[in-house]
Amino acid sequence: MDWPSVRLSLELAALTTLILLAIGIPLAAWLAYTRARWATAVEAVVALPLVLPPTVLGYYLLVAMGVQSPLGRWWTEITGAPLAFSFTGLLIASVLYSLPFAVQPLLASFAGVDGRLLEASSVLGRRWPTTIARVVLPLSKPGLATAAVLTFAHTIGEFGVVLMVGGNIPGVTRTISIDIYDDVQAFDYAAAGRTSLVLLAFSLVVLVAVYSLRRQRTRAWSL
């Protein structure tokens, strides 16, 4: 097993999860409680990576980050390094690609909170951010955990977007999924099998954790 690729994948997944929780909590809260008509369009955009082929998303991100794009030129001028085929570019792509895996569990959890509790908090003079922090989030712990677990696991298994935006640079953008692809290309099926078995076991553990959290949430609301 290529341990540098494992380390990079874990680092990428951890950072992506932290960023998406910071972004996803306010976004999911707004989607759950807003009455704006265009909220449906926002929700559709958030869910787009679920149905969009990874290579398509990767292509557009690669164009947006390229040295000929405004973003790419600005980044190169600031840092002296290109955004595409870098860990930072890989992180941006992972955040966008895993966005629905963070937002949708949070949205479902927030929407399930009893509206009377929100009204009571408002009557008591609590501001909306305080209501989210002290009422909604404590009642949505299973949803928060599910969002974190799914985001982390999805990032670990990314391939198409990672390959398009990050390429295959050892120690910089080469993740564990790309390592498996390289082993297969080199006809090293034994190495590919060992790494794939680890990911298979990891995926099974993730699913068990997610379904356990879902059962806990169901039991909590039935009490």
Protein backbone atom coordinates (compact mmCIF):
# COMPACT_ATOMS: atom_id res chain seq x y z
CA MET A 1 0.00 0.00 0.00
CA ASP A 2 1.23 3.49 -0.88
CA TRP A 3 1.21 5.14 2.56
CA PRO A 4 1.88 8.70 1.27
CA SER A 5 -1.30 8.36 -0.82
CA VAL A 6 -3.21 7.14 2.23
CA ARG A 7 -1.94 10.05 4.31
CA LEU A 8 -2.84 12.56 1.61
CA SER A 9 -6.32 11.06 1.22
CA LEU A 10 -6.95 11.23 4.97
CA GLU A 11 -5.73 14.83 5.12
CA LEU A 12 -7.89 15.79 2.14
CA ALA A 13 -10.95 14.07 3.62
CA ALA A 14 -10.49 15.66 7.05
CA LEU A 15 -10.10 19.19 5.67
CA THR A 16 -13.00 18.74 3.28
CA THR A 17 -15.23 17.55 6.11
CA LEU A 18 -14.34 20.47 8.38
CA ILE A 19 -14.90 23.03 5.61
CA LEU A 20 -18.20 21.49 4.53
CA LEU A 21 -19.55 21.37 8.07
CA ALA A 22 -18.73 25.07 8.44
CA ILE A 23 -20.44 25.82 5.12
CA GLY A 24 -23.17 23.21 5.30
CA ILE A 25 -24.69 24.07 8.68
CA PRO A 26 -25.75 27.65 7.82
CA LEU A 27 -26.68 26.67 4.26
CA ALA A 28 -28.81 23.73 5.37
CA ALA A 29 -30.46 25.86 8.07
CA TRP A 30 -31.37 28.49 5.50
CA LEU A 31 -32.74 25.89 3.08
CA ALA A 32 -34.75 24.20 5.84
CA TYR A 33 -36.47 27.32 7.13
CA THR A 34 -36.47 29.92 4.37
CA ARG A 35 -39.62 30.84 2.46
CA ALA A 36 -37.76 32.28 -0.51
CA ARG A 37 -39.12 30.99 -3.82
CA TRP A 38 -35.67 30.58 -5.31
CA ALA A 39 -34.56 28.25 -2.49
CA THR A 40 -35.53 25.31 -4.70
CA ALA A 41 -33.04 26.47 -7.33
CA VAL A 42 -30.31 26.75 -4.68
CA GLU A 43 -31.10 23.27 -3.40
CA ALA A 44 -30.91 21.91 -6.96
CA VAL A 45 -27.49 23.50 -7.47
CA VAL A 46 -26.27 22.02 -4.19
CA ALA A 47 -27.46 18.55 -5.26
CA LEU A 48 -26.05 18.84 -8.78
CA PRO A 49 -22.85 16.84 -8.06
CA LEU A 50 -25.05 13.83 -7.26
CA VAL A 51 -26.17 13.53 -10.89
CA LEU A 52 -23.40 15.31 -12.77
CA PRO A 53 -20.69 12.99 -14.13
CA PRO A 54 -17.46 13.54 -12.14
CA THR A 55 -15.48 14.10 -15.34
CA VAL A 56 -17.84 16.90 -16.38
CA LEU A 57 -17.52 18.64 -13.02
CA GLY A 58 -13.78 18.03 -13.08
CA TYR A 59 -13.50 19.53 -16.56
CA TYR A 60 -15.28 22.75 -15.60
CA LEU A 61 -13.25 23.06 -12.41
CA LEU A 62 -10.04 22.48 -14.35
CA VAL A 63 -10.99 25.24 -16.80
CA ALA A 64 -11.91 27.56 -13.91
CA MET A 65 -8.59 26.93 -12.17
CA GLY A 66 -6.37 26.94 -15.24
CA VAL A 67 -3.65 29.54 -15.68
CA GLN A 68 -5.67 31.19 -18.46
CA SER A 69 -8.72 31.76 -16.23
CA PRO A 70 -9.14 34.88 -14.04
CA LEU A 71 -9.09 32.75 -10.89
CA GLY A 72 -6.06 30.79 -12.01
CA ARG A 73 -4.12 33.91 -13.00
CA TRP A 74 -5.00 35.64 -9.73
CA TRP A 75 -3.91 32.61 -7.69
CA THR A 76 -0.63 32.32 -9.59
CA GLU A 77 0.11 36.01 -9.11
CA ILE A 78 -0.56 35.75 -5.37
CA THR A 79 1.18 32.47 -4.60
CA GLY A 80 3.51 31.96 -7.53
CA ALA A 81 2.12 28.46 -8.08
CA PRO A 82 -0.76 27.18 -10.23
CA LEU A 83 -4.07 26.33 -8.63
CA ALA A 84 -4.79 23.36 -10.87
CA PHE A 85 -2.76 20.21 -10.14
CA SER A 86 -2.14 21.35 -6.58
CA PHE A 87 -3.43 20.21 -3.20
CA THR A 88 -5.36 23.47 -2.78
CA GLY A 89 -7.10 22.96 -6.11
CA LEU A 90 -7.83 19.39 -5.10
CA LEU A 91 -9.36 20.61 -1.83
CA ILE A 92 -11.60 23.12 -3.62
CA ALA A 93 -12.78 20.43 -6.03
CA SER A 94 -13.46 18.01 -3.17
CA VAL A 95 -15.50 20.60 -1.28
CA LEU A 96 -17.69 21.27 -4.31
CA TYR A 97 -18.04 17.60 -5.23
CA SER A 98 -18.95 16.48 -1.69
CA LEU A 99 -21.23 19.43 -0.91
CA PRO A 100 -24.54 17.51 -1.18
CA PHE A 101 -23.24 14.73 1.06
CA ALA A 102 -22.90 17.30 3.84
CA VAL A 103 -25.91 19.50 3.17
CA GLN A 104 -28.62 16.91 2.54
CA PRO A 105 -28.30 14.98 5.84
CA LEU A 106 -28.20 18.30 7.70
CA LEU A 107 -31.20 19.60 5.78
CA ALA A 108 -33.25 16.50 6.56
CA SER A 109 -32.28 16.67 10.22
CA PHE A 110 -33.00 20.39 10.58
CA ALA A 111 -36.35 20.06 8.83
CA GLY A 112 -37.35 17.38 11.35
CA VAL A 113 -36.98 19.68 14.36
CA ASP A 114 -40.34 20.56 15.91
CA GLY A 115 -41.34 24.03 14.69
CA ARG A 116 -42.91 24.81 18.06
CA LEU A 117 -39.46 24.80 19.63
CA LEU A 118 -38.29 27.39 17.11
CA GLU A 119 -41.33 29.53 17.80
CA ALA A 120 -40.74 29.30 21.54
CA SER A 121 -37.14 30.38 21.08
CA SER A 122 -38.30 33.35 18.99
CA VAL A 123 -40.90 34.33 21.60
CA LEU A 124 -38.16 34.30 24.23
CA GLY A 125 -36.25 36.84 22.18
CA ARG A 126 -33.50 34.57 20.91
CA ARG A 127 -31.87 35.61 17.67
CA TRP A 128 -31.89 33.18 14.78
CA PRO A 129 -28.18 32.19 15.05
CA THR A 130 -28.70 31.52 18.76
CA THR A 131 -31.75 29.38 18.01
CA ILE A 132 -29.76 27.33 15.52
CA ALA A 133 -26.86 26.89 17.94
CA ARG A 134 -28.86 26.14 21.10
CA VAL A 135 -32.01 24.46 19.79
CA VAL A 136 -31.54 23.03 16.31
CA LEU A 137 -27.97 21.70 16.51
CA PRO A 138 -28.35 19.81 19.84
CA LEU A 139 -31.43 18.08 18.41
CA SER A 140 -29.62 17.27 15.16
CA LYS A 141 -26.53 15.43 16.45
CA PRO A 142 -27.25 12.26 14.42
CA GLY A 143 -27.63 14.38 11.27
CA LEU A 144 -24.38 16.18 11.99
CA ALA A 145 -22.57 12.90 12.51
CA THR A 146 -24.07 11.43 9.35
CA ALA A 147 -23.02 14.46 7.32
CA ALA A 148 -19.47 14.25 8.65
CA VAL A 149 -19.16 10.50 8.07
CA LEU A 150 -20.61 10.60 4.54
CA THR A 151 -18.48 13.58 3.54
CA PHE A 152 -15.30 11.98 4.85
CA ALA A 153 -16.02 8.64 3.17
CA HIS A 154 -17.05 10.19 -0.12
CA THR A 155 -13.87 12.23 -0.26
CA ILE A 156 -11.74 9.16 0.44
CA GLY A 157 -13.28 7.39 -2.56
CA GLU A 158 -13.16 10.27 -5.07
CA PHE A 159 -11.57 9.44 -8.40
CA GLY A 160 -12.88 11.27 -11.48
CA VAL A 161 -12.80 14.81 -10.12
CA VAL A 162 -9.51 14.16 -8.32
CA LEU A 163 -7.85 12.88 -11.47
CA MET A 164 -9.14 15.74 -13.64
CA VAL A 165 -8.22 18.57 -11.27
CA GLY A 166 -5.22 17.16 -9.40
CA GLY A 167 -3.67 14.77 -11.84
CA ASN A 168 -1.33 12.16 -10.41
CA ILE A 169 1.52 13.88 -8.58
CA PRO A 170 3.03 11.67 -5.84
CA GLY A 171 2.87 13.35 -2.44
CA VAL A 172 0.83 16.26 -3.78
CA THR A 173 -2.35 15.06 -5.49
CA ARG A 174 -2.03 11.29 -5.70
CA THR A 175 -4.83 9.87 -3.57
CA ILE A 176 -5.54 6.28 -2.61
CA SER A 177 -8.11 5.81 -5.40
CA ILE A 178 -5.58 6.95 -7.98
CA ASP A 179 -3.04 4.59 -6.42
CA ILE A 180 -5.41 1.68 -7.12
CA TYR A 181 -5.84 2.87 -10.70
CA ASP A 182 -2.05 3.03 -11.15
CA ASP A 183 -1.63 -0.48 -9.76
CA VAL A 184 -4.18 -1.83 -12.22
CA GLN A 185 -2.53 0.02 -15.09
CA ALA A 186 0.78 -1.56 -14.07
CA PHE A 187 -0.89 -5.01 -13.88
CA ASP A 188 -0.05 -5.17 -10.18
CA TYR A 189 -3.37 -6.73 -9.27
CA ALA A 190 -2.14 -7.99 -5.91
CA ALA A 191 -1.40 -4.45 -4.68
CA ALA A 192 -4.64 -3.15 -6.18
CA GLY A 193 -6.54 -5.94 -4.46
CA ARG A 194 -5.04 -5.24 -1.06
CA THR A 195 -5.82 -1.53 -1.24
CA SER A 196 -9.30 -2.18 -2.62
CA LEU A 197 -10.00 -4.58 0.25
CA VAL A 198 -9.08 -1.89 2.76
CA LEU A 199 -11.45 0.57 1.06
CA LEU A 200 -14.18 -2.07 0.93
CA ALA A 201 -13.89 -2.66 4.67
CA PHE A 202 -13.83 1.07 5.30
CA SER A 203 -16.98 1.57 3.21
CA LEU A 204 -18.78 -1.18 5.10
CA VAL A 205 -17.87 0.40 8.44
CA VAL A 206 -19.13 3.76 7.18
CA LEU A 207 -22.48 2.30 6.11
CA VAL A 208 -22.93 0.53 9.45
CA ALA A 209 -22.19 3.80 11.25
CA VAL A 210 -24.62 5.79 9.10
CA TYR A 211 -27.47 3.30 9.52
CA SER A 212 -26.83 3.12 13.26
CA LEU A 213 -27.09 6.88 13.49
CA ARG A 214 -30.30 6.82 11.47
CA ARG A 215 -31.81 4.26 13.84
CA GLN A 216 -30.80 6.35 16.84
CA ARG A 217 -32.48 9.39 15.30
CA THR A 218 -35.65 7.40 14.58
CA ARG A 219 -35.81 6.10 18.14
CA ALA A 220 -35.19 9.59 19.56
CA TRP A 221 -38.10 11.08 17.64
CA SER A 222 -40.41 8.19 18.53
CA LEU A 223 -39.98 8.70 22.27
